[in-house]
Amino acid sequence: MHKKSLTALLALALTLFLGGCNTVKGMGQDLQKAGEKIEDAAKKK
């Protein structure tokens, strides 16, 4: 039972790691856009 849980956890971690390449890049772009909007709002004040 414990070995199956560990195998499932490792498979999930590997899936997230491999799929995360594009996800992290997209999230970084979203954060950059949000930062630009905050910066623009600060400049208007």
PDB file of N, CA and C in Angstrom:
ATOM      1  N   MET A   1       0.827  -1.193   0.000  1.00  0.00           N
ATOM      2  CA  MET A   1       0.000   0.000   0.000  1.00  0.00           C
ATOM      3  C   MET A   1       0.866   1.248   0.000  1.00  0.00           C
ATOM      4  N   HIS A   2       1.866   1.308   0.838  1.00  0.00           N
ATOM      5  CA  HIS A   2       2.732   2.478   0.943  1.00  0.00           C
ATOM      6  C   HIS A   2       3.527   2.689  -0.348  1.00  0.00           C
ATOM      7  N   LYS A   3       3.958   1.599  -0.960  1.00  0.00           N
ATOM      8  CA  LYS A   3       4.729   1.691  -2.194  1.00  0.00           C
ATOM      9  C   LYS A   3       3.876   2.256  -3.336  1.00  0.00           C
ATOM     10  N   LYS A   4       2.595   1.871  -3.376  1.00  0.00           N
ATOM     11  CA  LYS A   4       1.696   2.399  -4.405  1.00  0.00           C
ATOM     12  C   LYS A   4       1.482   3.904  -4.227  1.00  0.00           C
ATOM     13  N   SER A   5       1.356   4.341  -2.991  1.00  0.00           N
ATOM     14  CA  SER A   5       1.166   5.762  -2.709  1.00  0.00           C
ATOM     15  C   SER A   5       2.393   6.559  -3.132  1.00  0.00           C
ATOM     16  N   LEU A   6       3.557   6.030  -2.830  1.00  0.00           N
ATOM     17  CA  LEU A   6       4.791   6.713  -3.198  1.00  0.00           C
ATOM     18  C   LEU A   6       4.942   6.781  -4.719  1.00  0.00           C
ATOM     19  N   THR A   7       4.608   5.710  -5.405  1.00  0.00           N
ATOM     20  CA  THR A   7       4.678   5.688  -6.866  1.00  0.00           C
ATOM     21  C   THR A   7       3.708   6.704  -7.471  1.00  0.00           C
ATOM     22  N   ALA A   8       2.510   6.766  -6.937  1.00  0.00           N
ATOM     23  CA  ALA A   8       1.513   7.718  -7.434  1.00  0.00           C
ATOM     24  C   ALA A   8       1.975   9.148  -7.186  1.00  0.00           C
ATOM     25  N   LEU A   9       2.548   9.402  -6.025  1.00  0.00           N
ATOM     26  CA  LEU A   9       3.046  10.735  -5.695  1.00  0.00           C
ATOM     27  C   LEU A   9       4.187  11.142  -6.622  1.00  0.00           C
ATOM     28  N   LEU A  10       5.085  10.236  -6.904  1.00  0.00           N
ATOM     29  CA  LEU A  10       6.198  10.538  -7.818  1.00  0.00           C
ATOM     30  C   LEU A  10       5.700  10.785  -9.236  1.00  0.00           C
ATOM     31  N   ALA A  11       4.706  10.016  -9.676  1.00  0.00           N
ATOM     32  CA  ALA A  11       4.133  10.218 -11.007  1.00  0.00           C
ATOM     33  C   ALA A  11       3.467  11.588 -11.101  1.00  0.00           C
ATOM     34  N   LEU A  12       2.752  11.966 -10.051  1.00  0.00           N
ATOM     35  CA  LEU A  12       2.107  13.279 -10.022  1.00  0.00           C
ATOM     36  C   LEU A  12       3.143  14.394 -10.042  1.00  0.00           C
ATOM     37  N   ALA A  13       4.191  14.256  -9.251  1.00  0.00           N
ATOM     38  CA  ALA A  13       5.248  15.266  -9.207  1.00  0.00           C
ATOM     39  C   ALA A  13       5.929  15.405 -10.568  1.00  0.00           C
ATOM     40  N   LEU A  14       6.183  14.298 -11.224  1.00  0.00           N
ATOM     41  CA  LEU A  14       6.815  14.329 -12.541  1.00  0.00           C
ATOM     42  C   LEU A  14       5.906  15.012 -13.557  1.00  0.00           C
ATOM     43  N   THR A  15       4.628  14.707 -13.501  1.00  0.00           N
ATOM     44  CA  THR A  15       3.665  15.336 -14.412  1.00  0.00           C
ATOM     45  C   THR A  15       3.624  16.840 -14.207  1.00  0.00           C
ATOM     46  N   LEU A  16       3.572  17.264 -12.953  1.00  0.00           N
ATOM     47  CA  LEU A  16       3.540  18.700 -12.658  1.00  0.00           C
ATOM     48  C   LEU A  16       4.840  19.372 -13.087  1.00  0.00           C
ATOM     49  N   PHE A  17       5.964  18.687 -12.880  1.00  0.00           N
ATOM     50  CA  PHE A  17       7.257  19.258 -13.264  1.00  0.00           C
ATOM     51  C   PHE A  17       7.356  19.438 -14.771  1.00  0.00           C
ATOM     52  N   LEU A  18       6.953  18.425 -15.520  1.00  0.00           N
ATOM     53  CA  LEU A  18       7.044  18.503 -16.974  1.00  0.00           C
ATOM     54  C   LEU A  18       6.032  19.490 -17.552  1.00  0.00           C
ATOM     55  N   GLY A  19       4.844  19.524 -16.993  1.00  0.00           N
ATOM     56  CA  GLY A  19       3.824  20.440 -17.465  1.00  0.00           C
ATOM     57  C   GLY A  19       4.036  21.854 -16.975  1.00  0.00           C
ATOM     58  N   GLY A  20       4.845  22.000 -15.953  1.00  0.00           N
ATOM     59  CA  GLY A  20       5.063  23.301 -15.343  1.00  0.00           C
ATOM     60  C   GLY A  20       5.909  24.248 -16.158  1.00  0.00           C
ATOM     61  N   CYS A  21       6.643  23.749 -17.116  1.00  0.00           N
ATOM     62  CA  CYS A  21       7.517  24.619 -17.901  1.00  0.00           C
ATOM     63  C   CYS A  21       6.724  25.748 -18.555  1.00  0.00           C
ATOM     64  N   ASN A  22       5.678  25.415 -19.271  1.00  0.00           N
ATOM     65  CA  ASN A  22       4.863  26.434 -19.918  1.00  0.00           C
ATOM     66  C   ASN A  22       4.019  27.189 -18.896  1.00  0.00           C
ATOM     67  N   THR A  23       3.573  26.502 -17.873  1.00  0.00           N
ATOM     68  CA  THR A  23       2.721  27.128 -16.870  1.00  0.00           C
ATOM     69  C   THR A  23       3.470  28.226 -16.135  1.00  0.00           C
ATOM     70  N   VAL A  24       4.692  27.948 -15.732  1.00  0.00           N
ATOM     71  CA  VAL A  24       5.486  28.935 -15.002  1.00  0.00           C
ATOM     72  C   VAL A  24       5.792  30.129 -15.895  1.00  0.00           C
ATOM     73  N   LYS A  25       6.081  29.876 -17.144  1.00  0.00           N
ATOM     74  CA  LYS A  25       6.347  30.976 -18.076  1.00  0.00           C
ATOM     75  C   LYS A  25       5.111  31.850 -18.228  1.00  0.00           C
ATOM     76  N   GLY A  26       3.955  31.233 -18.382  1.00  0.00           N
ATOM     77  CA  GLY A  26       2.707  31.982 -18.520  1.00  0.00           C
ATOM     78  C   GLY A  26       2.379  32.768 -17.260  1.00  0.00           C
ATOM     79  N   MET A  27       2.621  32.144 -16.103  1.00  0.00           N
ATOM     80  CA  MET A  27       2.355  32.834 -14.853  1.00  0.00           C
ATOM     81  C   MET A  27       3.284  34.034 -14.695  1.00  0.00           C
ATOM     82  N   GLY A  28       4.524  33.888 -15.110  1.00  0.00           N
ATOM     83  CA  GLY A  28       5.475  34.996 -15.051  1.00  0.00           C
ATOM     84  C   GLY A  28       5.028  36.156 -15.917  1.00  0.00           C
ATOM     85  N   GLN A  29       4.502  35.840 -17.091  1.00  0.00           N
ATOM     86  CA  GLN A  29       4.009  36.895 -17.981  1.00  0.00           C
ATOM     87  C   GLN A  29       2.801  37.587 -17.370  1.00  0.00           C
ATOM     88  N   ASP A  30       1.921  36.828 -16.745  1.00  0.00           N
ATOM     89  CA  ASP A  30       0.748  37.420 -16.094  1.00  0.00           C
ATOM     90  C   ASP A  30       1.167  38.340 -14.955  1.00  0.00           C
ATOM     91  N   LEU A  31       2.130  37.903 -14.162  1.00  0.00           N
ATOM     92  CA  LEU A  31       2.604  38.729 -13.057  1.00  0.00           C
ATOM     93  C   LEU A  31       3.276  39.998 -13.565  1.00  0.00           C
ATOM     94  N   GLN A  32       3.975  39.891 -14.678  1.00  0.00           N
ATOM     95  CA  GLN A  32       4.628  41.057 -15.252  1.00  0.00           C
ATOM     96  C   GLN A  32       3.586  42.079 -15.709  1.00  0.00           C
ATOM     97  N   LYS A  33       2.536  41.604 -16.350  1.00  0.00           N
ATOM     98  CA  LYS A  33       1.465  42.504 -16.794  1.00  0.00           C
ATOM     99  C   LYS A  33       0.776  43.159 -15.600  1.00  0.00           C
ATOM    100  N   ALA A  34       0.542  42.393 -14.553  1.00  0.00           N
ATOM    101  CA  ALA A  34      -0.087  42.942 -13.352  1.00  0.00           C
ATOM    102  C   ALA A  34       0.814  44.005 -12.732  1.00  0.00           C
ATOM    103  N   GLY A  35       2.099  43.747 -12.703  1.00  0.00           N
ATOM    104  CA  GLY A  35       3.050  44.725 -12.174  1.00  0.00           C
ATOM    105  C   GLY A  35       3.064  46.002 -12.986  1.00  0.00           C
ATOM    106  N   GLU A  36       2.955  45.875 -14.294  1.00  0.00           N
ATOM    107  CA  GLU A  36       2.931  47.056 -15.158  1.00  0.00           C
ATOM    108  C   GLU A  36       1.680  47.892 -14.889  1.00  0.00           C
ATOM    109  N   LYS A  37       0.556  47.236 -14.665  1.00  0.00           N
ATOM    110  CA  LYS A  37      -0.688  47.963 -14.385  1.00  0.00           C
ATOM    111  C   LYS A  37      -0.593  48.689 -13.047  1.00  0.00           C
ATOM    112  N   ILE A  38      -0.004  48.037 -12.069  1.00  0.00           N
ATOM    113  CA  ILE A  38       0.179  48.680 -10.753  1.00  0.00           C
ATOM    114  C   ILE A  38       1.115  49.874 -10.887  1.00  0.00           C
ATOM    115  N   GLU A  39       2.167  49.700 -11.659  1.00  0.00           N
ATOM    116  CA  GLU A  39       3.121  50.789 -11.877  1.00  0.00           C
ATOM    117  C   GLU A  39       2.445  51.973 -12.587  1.00  0.00           C
ATOM    118  N   ASP A  40       1.633  51.686 -13.600  1.00  0.00           N
ATOM    119  CA  ASP A  40       0.916  52.740 -14.308  1.00  0.00           C
ATOM    120  C   ASP A  40      -0.050  53.474 -13.371  1.00  0.00           C
ATOM    121  N   ALA A  41      -0.737  52.717 -12.522  1.00  0.00           N
ATOM    122  CA  ALA A  41      -1.669  53.329 -11.578  1.00  0.00           C
ATOM    123  C   ALA A  41      -0.934  54.220 -10.590  1.00  0.00           C
ATOM    124  N   ALA A  42       0.252  53.803 -10.178  1.00  0.00           N
ATOM    125  CA  ALA A  42       1.046  54.591  -9.238  1.00  0.00           C
ATOM    126  C   ALA A  42       1.537  55.885  -9.890  1.00  0.00           C
ATOM    127  N   LYS A  43       1.864  55.830 -11.175  1.00  0.00           N
ATOM    128  CA  LYS A  43       2.342  57.017 -11.888  1.00  0.00           C
ATOM    129  C   LYS A  43       1.242  58.055 -12.061  1.00  0.00           C
ATOM    130  N   LYS A  44      -0.030  57.599 -12.156  1.00  0.00           N
ATOM    131  CA  LYS A  44      -1.150  58.504 -12.357  1.00  0.00           C
ATOM    132  C   LYS A  44      -1.459  59.336 -11.107  1.00  0.00           C
ATOM    133  N   LYS A  45      -1.039  58.843  -9.941  1.00  0.00           N
ATOM    134  CA  LYS A  45      -1.360  59.550  -8.684  1.00  0.00           C
ATOM    135  C   LYS A  45      -0.455  60.713  -8.455  1.00  0.00           C
TER     136      LYS A  45
END
